Amino acid sequence: ELMKRKKFVFLCTNAILMKRKLDLFEPSPYFAWAVHIDGLQERHDESVCREGVFEKAVEAIKAAKEHGFRVTTNTTFFTHDTPESVRAVLDYLNDELEVDEMMISPAYAYDKAPDQEHFPGVRQTRELFSAAFADGGRKRWRLNHSPLFLDFLEGKVDYECTPWGIPSYSIFGWQRPCYLMADGYAETYQELLETTDWSKYGRGRDPRCDNCMAHCGYEPTAVMDTTRSLKQSVRALARR
């Protein structure tokens, strides 16, 4: 129904069952698989605590591409990642698997995560991506991000979060204040906008926000900044 209305649908998956379920879907310019790939084989399998998942994901991506589907990926980076490991996984996805587009994000420190040592802070994130992008690879990789968001990851610009820009909706309702934090739910998006005290959130206001640089909050800000500038709009179209 969403695709009939020409709405874009990205189906997020770990791809474990994806290959078996391909026949339930039809290729469409408005539909894309969004496969989580958190590193190359050893790193990815370690991240999901299960051996063989990376291989299954690669097989599923190849099968989906052969069937004419658009395939994107989403990769999260932690403190044990290096500029070399960032470039390695993006080179692999871009050049060998030839996925259509890739999304990247530094890991967010969920309160309930048992391992709190490997979530990067703002300084670590900026150092990681500025070094990873130093060879000019970000201009070659098919990254599904605005150039200003990538500048933000490198520390070239700084932004405030726009938590309502990519909201999270589930059977419980619209999640407050964002996809990463759960401070209750609203029944409608309008209610979310009007009844959430947005002044409580953001760096320096809520400690949960202090080290967050995730795309769900900062990409909307970068996009809005892009649309305010002809120069940045042209740059975004050229993916520079």
C-alpha atoms as a PDB file:
ATOM      1  CA  GLU A   1       0.000   0.000   0.000  1.00  0.00           C
ATOM      2  CA  LEU A   2       2.813   2.419   0.847  1.00  0.00           C
ATOM      3  CA  MET A   3       4.566   1.768  -2.446  1.00  0.00           C
ATOM      4  CA  LYS A   4       1.323   2.283  -4.361  1.00  0.00           C
ATOM      5  CA  ARG A   5       1.334   5.759  -2.834  1.00  0.00           C
ATOM      6  CA  LYS A   6       4.945   6.142  -4.063  1.00  0.00           C
ATOM      7  CA  LYS A   7       6.347   6.143  -0.550  1.00  0.00           C
ATOM      8  CA  PHE A   8       9.861   4.783  -0.110  1.00  0.00           C
ATOM      9  CA  VAL A   9      10.157   1.677   2.072  1.00  0.00           C
ATOM     10  CA  PHE A  10      13.475   0.482   3.522  1.00  0.00           C
ATOM     11  CA  LEU A  11      13.071  -2.933   5.130  1.00  0.00           C
ATOM     12  CA  CYS A  12      15.712  -3.318   7.845  1.00  0.00           C
ATOM     13  CA  THR A  13      16.963  -6.850   8.393  1.00  0.00           C
ATOM     14  CA  ASN A  14      19.868  -8.890   9.706  1.00  0.00           C
ATOM     15  CA  ALA A  15      19.352 -10.973   6.524  1.00  0.00           C
ATOM     16  CA  ILE A  16      19.288 -14.333   8.312  1.00  0.00           C
ATOM     17  CA  LEU A  17      15.938 -15.222   6.689  1.00  0.00           C
ATOM     18  CA  MET A  18      16.097 -12.736   3.833  1.00  0.00           C
ATOM     19  CA  LYS A  19      17.162 -15.135   1.076  1.00  0.00           C
ATOM     20  CA  ARG A  20      14.352 -17.567   1.950  1.00  0.00           C
ATOM     21  CA  LYS A  21      11.752 -14.780   1.952  1.00  0.00           C
ATOM     22  CA  LEU A  22      12.696 -12.991  -1.284  1.00  0.00           C
ATOM     23  CA  ASP A  23       9.794 -14.556  -3.175  1.00  0.00           C
ATOM     24  CA  LEU A  24       7.349 -12.761  -0.877  1.00  0.00           C
ATOM     25  CA  PHE A  25       8.473  -9.410  -2.300  1.00  0.00           C
ATOM     26  CA  GLU A  26       8.659  -7.776  -5.702  1.00  0.00           C
ATOM     27  CA  PRO A  27      11.364  -5.380  -6.884  1.00  0.00           C
ATOM     28  CA  SER A  28      10.266  -1.755  -6.966  1.00  0.00           C
ATOM     29  CA  PRO A  29      12.033   1.603  -7.204  1.00  0.00           C
ATOM     30  CA  TYR A  30      10.204   2.442  -3.962  1.00  0.00           C
ATOM     31  CA  PHE A  31      11.462  -0.600  -2.052  1.00  0.00           C
ATOM     32  CA  ALA A  32      14.920  -1.452  -0.747  1.00  0.00           C
ATOM     33  CA  TRP A  33      16.370  -4.002   1.614  1.00  0.00           C
ATOM     34  CA  ALA A  34      18.446  -2.388   4.372  1.00  0.00           C
ATOM     35  CA  VAL A  35      20.872  -5.021   5.620  1.00  0.00           C
ATOM     36  CA  HIS A  36      22.877  -4.549   8.803  1.00  0.00           C
ATOM     37  CA  ILE A  37      26.560  -5.196   8.129  1.00  0.00           C
ATOM     38  CA  ASP A  38      28.668  -4.206  11.125  1.00  0.00           C
ATOM     39  CA  GLY A  39      32.080  -4.976   9.684  1.00  0.00           C
ATOM     40  CA  LEU A  40      33.687  -7.766   7.715  1.00  0.00           C
ATOM     41  CA  GLN A  41      33.128 -11.411   8.613  1.00  0.00           C
ATOM     42  CA  GLU A  42      34.899 -11.748  11.956  1.00  0.00           C
ATOM     43  CA  ARG A  43      33.787  -8.364  13.277  1.00  0.00           C
ATOM     44  CA  HIS A  44      30.194  -8.726  12.094  1.00  0.00           C
ATOM     45  CA  ASP A  45      29.737 -12.219  13.538  1.00  0.00           C
ATOM     46  CA  GLU A  46      31.257 -11.023  16.800  1.00  0.00           C
ATOM     47  CA  SER A  47      28.856  -8.063  16.895  1.00  0.00           C
ATOM     48  CA  VAL A  48      25.785 -10.269  16.492  1.00  0.00           C
ATOM     49  CA  CYS A  49      27.208 -13.030  18.733  1.00  0.00           C
ATOM     50  CA  ARG A  50      26.629 -15.697  16.114  1.00  0.00           C
ATOM     51  CA  GLU A  51      28.984 -17.316  13.623  1.00  0.00           C
ATOM     52  CA  GLY A  52      27.967 -17.525   9.988  1.00  0.00           C
ATOM     53  CA  VAL A  53      25.633 -14.524   9.947  1.00  0.00           C
ATOM     54  CA  PHE A  54      27.957 -12.443   7.778  1.00  0.00           C
ATOM     55  CA  GLU A  55      28.108 -15.195   5.163  1.00  0.00           C
ATOM     56  CA  LYS A  56      24.315 -15.517   5.160  1.00  0.00           C
ATOM     57  CA  ALA A  57      23.940 -11.764   4.771  1.00  0.00           C
ATOM     58  CA  VAL A  58      26.338 -11.693   1.824  1.00  0.00           C
ATOM     59  CA  GLU A  59      24.494 -14.573   0.136  1.00  0.00           C
ATOM     60  CA  ALA A  60      21.170 -12.811   0.674  1.00  0.00           C
ATOM     61  CA  ILE A  61      22.469  -9.528  -0.732  1.00  0.00           C
ATOM     62  CA  LYS A  62      23.800 -11.259  -3.840  1.00  0.00           C
ATOM     63  CA  ALA A  63      20.513 -13.120  -4.333  1.00  0.00           C
ATOM     64  CA  ALA A  64      18.484  -9.943  -3.916  1.00  0.00           C
ATOM     65  CA  LYS A  65      20.628  -8.100  -6.444  1.00  0.00           C
ATOM     66  CA  GLU A  66      20.240 -10.989  -8.906  1.00  0.00           C
ATOM     67  CA  HIS A  67      16.455 -10.723  -8.512  1.00  0.00           C
ATOM     68  CA  GLY A  68      16.514  -7.016  -9.296  1.00  0.00           C
ATOM     69  CA  PHE A  69      16.030  -5.609  -5.792  1.00  0.00           C
ATOM     70  CA  ARG A  70      17.625  -2.434  -4.516  1.00  0.00           C
ATOM     71  CA  VAL A  71      19.876  -3.256  -1.568  1.00  0.00           C
ATOM     72  CA  THR A  72      21.289  -0.824   0.951  1.00  0.00           C
ATOM     73  CA  THR A  73      23.334  -1.473   4.068  1.00  0.00           C
ATOM     74  CA  ASN A  74      23.603   0.059   7.517  1.00  0.00           C
ATOM     75  CA  THR A  75      26.900  -0.165   9.401  1.00  0.00           C
ATOM     76  CA  THR A  76      27.516   0.850  13.004  1.00  0.00           C
ATOM     77  CA  PHE A  77      31.017   1.639  14.226  1.00  0.00           C
ATOM     78  CA  PHE A  78      32.436   1.228  17.734  1.00  0.00           C
ATOM     79  CA  THR A  79      35.607   2.220  19.576  1.00  0.00           C
ATOM     80  CA  HIS A  80      37.416  -0.923  18.440  1.00  0.00           C
ATOM     81  CA  ASP A  81      37.015   0.173  14.823  1.00  0.00           C
ATOM     82  CA  THR A  82      39.905   1.871  13.076  1.00  0.00           C
ATOM     83  CA  PRO A  83      40.131   4.047   9.958  1.00  0.00           C
ATOM     84  CA  GLU A  84      41.401   0.958   8.161  1.00  0.00           C
ATOM     85  CA  SER A  85      38.450  -1.205   9.239  1.00  0.00           C
ATOM     86  CA  VAL A  86      36.001   1.529   8.228  1.00  0.00           C
ATOM     87  CA  ARG A  87      37.549   1.772   4.772  1.00  0.00           C
ATOM     88  CA  ALA A  88      37.751  -2.021   4.440  1.00  0.00           C
ATOM     89  CA  VAL A  89      34.051  -2.671   5.016  1.00  0.00           C
ATOM     90  CA  LEU A  90      32.933   0.273   2.876  1.00  0.00           C
ATOM     91  CA  ASP A  91      35.258  -0.767   0.048  1.00  0.00           C
ATOM     92  CA  TYR A  92      33.865  -4.299   0.231  1.00  0.00           C
ATOM     93  CA  LEU A  93      30.227  -3.214   0.210  1.00  0.00           C
ATOM     94  CA  ASN A  94      30.775  -0.592  -2.477  1.00  0.00           C
ATOM     95  CA  ASP A  95      33.134  -2.400  -4.851  1.00  0.00           C
ATOM     96  CA  GLU A  96      32.670  -6.139  -4.337  1.00  0.00           C
ATOM     97  CA  LEU A  97      29.040  -6.533  -3.272  1.00  0.00           C
ATOM     98  CA  GLU A  98      28.065  -3.409  -5.235  1.00  0.00           C
ATOM     99  CA  VAL A  99      25.174  -2.510  -2.955  1.00  0.00           C
ATOM    100  CA  ASP A 100      23.143   0.453  -4.120  1.00  0.00           C
ATOM    101  CA  GLU A 101      23.802   2.688  -1.122  1.00  0.00           C
ATOM    102  CA  MET A 102      25.340   2.524   2.345  1.00  0.00           C
ATOM    103  CA  MET A 103      24.446   4.173   5.637  1.00  0.00           C
ATOM    104  CA  ILE A 104      26.917   4.582   8.485  1.00  0.00           C
ATOM    105  CA  SER A 105      26.608   5.679  12.088  1.00  0.00           C
ATOM    106  CA  PRO A 106      28.657   5.731  15.276  1.00  0.00           C
ATOM    107  CA  ALA A 107      27.205   3.449  17.933  1.00  0.00           C
ATOM    108  CA  TYR A 108      24.839   4.929  20.484  1.00  0.00           C
ATOM    109  CA  ALA A 109      25.367   4.102  24.176  1.00  0.00           C
ATOM    110  CA  TYR A 110      22.123   2.415  25.145  1.00  0.00           C
ATOM    111  CA  ASP A 111      21.673   2.469  28.921  1.00  0.00           C
ATOM    112  CA  LYS A 112      20.818  -1.231  29.048  1.00  0.00           C
ATOM    113  CA  ALA A 113      23.710  -2.424  26.879  1.00  0.00           C
ATOM    114  CA  PRO A 114      25.892  -4.785  28.955  1.00  0.00           C
ATOM    115  CA  ASP A 115      29.101  -3.536  27.300  1.00  0.00           C
ATOM    116  CA  GLN A 116      29.442   0.205  27.891  1.00  0.00           C
ATOM    117  CA  GLU A 117      33.146   0.400  27.039  1.00  0.00           C
ATOM    118  CA  HIS A 118      32.978   0.377  23.247  1.00  0.00           C
ATOM    119  CA  PHE A 119      30.599   3.249  22.503  1.00  0.00           C
ATOM    120  CA  PRO A 120      32.563   6.153  20.997  1.00  0.00           C
ATOM    121  CA  GLY A 121      32.351   9.672  22.342  1.00  0.00           C
ATOM    122  CA  VAL A 122      32.175  12.784  20.188  1.00  0.00           C
ATOM    123  CA  ARG A 123      35.949  13.242  20.025  1.00  0.00           C
ATOM    124  CA  GLN A 124      36.555   9.585  19.178  1.00  0.00           C
ATOM    125  CA  THR A 125      33.893   9.646  16.470  1.00  0.00           C
ATOM    126  CA  ARG A 126      35.356  12.735  14.826  1.00  0.00           C
ATOM    127  CA  GLU A 127      38.870  11.322  14.919  1.00  0.00           C
ATOM    128  CA  LEU A 128      37.735   7.992  13.464  1.00  0.00           C
ATOM    129  CA  PHE A 129      35.826   9.404  10.513  1.00  0.00           C
ATOM    130  CA  SER A 130      38.187  12.257   9.703  1.00  0.00           C
ATOM    131  CA  ALA A 131      40.986   9.692   9.425  1.00  0.00           C
ATOM    132  CA  ALA A 132      38.834   7.167   7.535  1.00  0.00           C
ATOM    133  CA  PHE A 133      37.771   9.820   5.011  1.00  0.00           C
ATOM    134  CA  ALA A 134      41.230  11.369   4.673  1.00  0.00           C
ATOM    135  CA  ASP A 135      42.030   9.496   1.458  1.00  0.00           C
ATOM    136  CA  GLY A 136      38.970  10.907  -0.317  1.00  0.00           C
ATOM    137  CA  GLY A 137      37.021   7.645  -0.246  1.00  0.00           C
ATOM    138  CA  ARG A 138      33.794   9.277   0.873  1.00  0.00           C
ATOM    139  CA  LYS A 139      33.508  10.847  -2.591  1.00  0.00           C
ATOM    140  CA  ARG A 140      33.720   7.416  -4.204  1.00  0.00           C
ATOM    141  CA  TRP A 141      31.572   5.360  -1.844  1.00  0.00           C
ATOM    142  CA  ARG A 142      27.826   5.343  -2.518  1.00  0.00           C
ATOM    143  CA  LEU A 143      26.922   6.702   0.904  1.00  0.00           C
ATOM    144  CA  ASN A 144      23.259   7.453   1.520  1.00  0.00           C
ATOM    145  CA  HIS A 145      23.995  10.613   3.483  1.00  0.00           C
ATOM    146  CA  SER A 146      24.137  14.321   2.859  1.00  0.00           C
ATOM    147  CA  PRO A 147      27.671  15.737   2.548  1.00  0.00           C
ATOM    148  CA  LEU A 148      27.011  17.956   5.560  1.00  0.00           C
ATOM    149  CA  PHE A 149      26.222  14.959   7.759  1.00  0.00           C
ATOM    150  CA  LEU A 150      29.527  13.409   6.719  1.00  0.00           C
ATOM    151  CA  ASP A 151      31.189  16.750   7.505  1.00  0.00           C
ATOM    152  CA  PHE A 152      29.492  16.540  10.904  1.00  0.00           C
ATOM    153  CA  LEU A 153      30.960  13.092  11.543  1.00  0.00           C
ATOM    154  CA  GLU A 154      34.401  14.468  10.725  1.00  0.00           C
ATOM    155  CA  GLY A 155      33.967  17.450  13.039  1.00  0.00           C
ATOM    156  CA  LYS A 156      34.044  20.017  10.230  1.00  0.00           C
ATOM    157  CA  VAL A 157      30.627  21.337  11.295  1.00  0.00           C
ATOM    158  CA  ASP A 158      28.570  20.917  14.445  1.00  0.00           C
ATOM    159  CA  TYR A 159      24.810  20.640  14.775  1.00  0.00           C
ATOM    160  CA  GLU A 160      22.047  20.260  17.279  1.00  0.00           C
ATOM    161  CA  CYS A 161      19.911  17.160  17.080  1.00  0.00           C
ATOM    162  CA  THR A 162      16.542  17.165  15.315  1.00  0.00           C
ATOM    163  CA  PRO A 163      14.964  14.195  17.118  1.00  0.00           C
ATOM    164  CA  TRP A 164      11.563  14.532  15.439  1.00  0.00           C
ATOM    165  CA  GLY A 165      13.144  14.389  11.961  1.00  0.00           C
ATOM    166  CA  ILE A 166      13.318  10.579  11.759  1.00  0.00           C
ATOM    167  CA  PRO A 167      10.748   9.452  14.337  1.00  0.00           C
ATOM    168  CA  SER A 168      10.106   5.907  15.472  1.00  0.00           C
ATOM    169  CA  TYR A 169       6.597   4.455  15.247  1.00  0.00           C
ATOM    170  CA  SER A 170       5.556   1.042  16.551  1.00  0.00           C
ATOM    171  CA  ILE A 171       2.517  -0.739  17.918  1.00  0.00           C
ATOM    172  CA  PHE A 172       3.008   1.353  21.066  1.00  0.00           C
ATOM    173  CA  GLY A 173       2.767   4.652  19.188  1.00  0.00           C
ATOM    174  CA  TRP A 174       5.239   7.442  18.375  1.00  0.00           C
ATOM    175  CA  GLN A 175       8.296   7.061  20.590  1.00  0.00           C
ATOM    176  CA  ARG A 176       9.507  10.010  22.672  1.00  0.00           C
ATOM    177  CA  PRO A 177      11.824  11.724  22.091  1.00  0.00           C
ATOM    178  CA  CYS A 178      13.541   9.717  19.368  1.00  0.00           C
ATOM    179  CA  TYR A 179      14.395   6.341  17.898  1.00  0.00           C
ATOM    180  CA  LEU A 180      17.188   5.788  20.440  1.00  0.00           C
ATOM    181  CA  MET A 181      15.503   6.863  23.681  1.00  0.00           C
ATOM    182  CA  ALA A 182      12.166   5.706  25.068  1.00  0.00           C
ATOM    183  CA  ASP A 183      10.527   8.221  27.397  1.00  0.00           C
ATOM    184  CA  GLY A 184       6.986   7.221  26.560  1.00  0.00           C
ATOM    185  CA  TYR A 185       4.776   7.320  23.486  1.00  0.00           C
ATOM    186  CA  ALA A 186       2.323   9.603  21.713  1.00  0.00           C
ATOM    187  CA  GLU A 187      -0.723   8.424  19.803  1.00  0.00           C
ATOM    188  CA  THR A 188      -0.120  10.716  16.825  1.00  0.00           C
ATOM    189  CA  TYR A 189       2.854  12.475  15.264  1.00  0.00           C
ATOM    190  CA  GLN A 190       1.171  15.815  15.943  1.00  0.00           C
ATOM    191  CA  GLU A 191       0.865  14.893  19.604  1.00  0.00           C
ATOM    192  CA  LEU A 192       4.537  13.901  19.634  1.00  0.00           C
ATOM    193  CA  LEU A 193       5.515  17.314  18.266  1.00  0.00           C
ATOM    194  CA  GLU A 194       3.247  19.371  20.496  1.00  0.00           C
ATOM    195  CA  THR A 195       3.472  17.600  23.845  1.00  0.00           C
ATOM    196  CA  THR A 196       7.139  16.575  24.029  1.00  0.00           C
ATOM    197  CA  ASP A 197       9.351  18.988  25.963  1.00  0.00           C
ATOM    198  CA  TRP A 198      12.133  19.158  23.381  1.00  0.00           C
ATOM    199  CA  SER A 199      14.089  21.644  25.519  1.00  0.00           C
ATOM    200  CA  LYS A 200      14.988  18.770  27.858  1.00  0.00           C
ATOM    201  CA  TYR A 201      16.996  16.943  25.207  1.00  0.00           C
ATOM    202  CA  GLY A 202      20.313  17.457  23.447  1.00  0.00           C
ATOM    203  CA  ARG A 203      23.942  17.799  24.459  1.00  0.00           C
ATOM    204  CA  GLY A 204      24.335  19.557  27.772  1.00  0.00           C
ATOM    205  CA  ARG A 205      20.685  19.005  28.662  1.00  0.00           C
ATOM    206  CA  ASP A 206      20.338  15.229  28.887  1.00  0.00           C
ATOM    207  CA  PRO A 207      23.414  13.075  29.609  1.00  0.00           C
ATOM    208  CA  ARG A 208      22.047  10.367  27.322  1.00  0.00           C
ATOM    209  CA  CYS A 209      22.525  12.780  24.419  1.00  0.00           C
ATOM    210  CA  ASP A 210      26.066  13.908  25.200  1.00  0.00           C
ATOM    211  CA  ASN A 211      27.949  11.408  23.023  1.00  0.00           C
ATOM    212  CA  CYS A 212      25.286  10.755  20.401  1.00  0.00           C
ATOM    213  CA  MET A 213      26.129  11.506  16.767  1.00  0.00           C
ATOM    214  CA  ALA A 214      23.671   9.074  15.203  1.00  0.00           C
ATOM    215  CA  HIS A 215      22.199   9.809  11.790  1.00  0.00           C
ATOM    216  CA  CYS A 216      18.601   9.503  13.023  1.00  0.00           C
ATOM    217  CA  GLY A 217      18.984  12.798  14.880  1.00  0.00           C
ATOM    218  CA  TYR A 218      21.665  14.690  13.017  1.00  0.00           C
ATOM    219  CA  GLU A 219      20.998  13.796   9.384  1.00  0.00           C
ATOM    220  CA  PRO A 220      17.684  15.722   9.447  1.00  0.00           C
ATOM    221  CA  THR A 221      19.536  18.795  10.738  1.00  0.00           C
ATOM    222  CA  ALA A 222      22.150  18.435   8.003  1.00  0.00           C
ATOM    223  CA  VAL A 223      19.455  18.058   5.346  1.00  0.00           C
ATOM    224  CA  MET A 224      17.641  21.186   6.527  1.00  0.00           C
ATOM    225  CA  ASP A 225      20.930  23.082   6.493  1.00  0.00           C
ATOM    226  CA  THR A 226      21.564  21.791   2.975  1.00  0.00           C
ATOM    227  CA  THR A 227      18.228  23.064   1.668  1.00  0.00           C
ATOM    228  CA  ARG A 228      18.963  26.556   2.991  1.00  0.00           C
ATOM    229  CA  SER A 229      22.026  26.884   0.755  1.00  0.00           C
ATOM    230  CA  LEU A 230      22.220  26.680  -3.032  1.00  0.00           C
ATOM    231  CA  LYS A 231      25.902  25.788  -2.765  1.00  0.00           C
ATOM    232  CA  GLN A 232      25.241  22.923  -0.355  1.00  0.00           C
ATOM    233  CA  SER A 233      22.263  21.718  -2.404  1.00  0.00           C
ATOM    234  CA  VAL A 234      24.438  21.491  -5.516  1.00  0.00           C
ATOM    235  CA  ARG A 235      27.115  19.768  -3.475  1.00  0.00           C
ATOM    236  CA  ALA A 236      24.582  17.216  -2.232  1.00  0.00           C
ATOM    237  CA  LEU A 237      23.422  16.473  -5.775  1.00  0.00           C
ATOM    238  CA  ALA A 238      27.038  15.922  -6.784  1.00  0.00           C
ATOM    239  CA  ARG A 239      27.641  13.807  -3.640  1.00  0.00           C
ATOM    240  CA  ARG A 240      30.647  15.829  -2.588  1.00  0.00           C
END
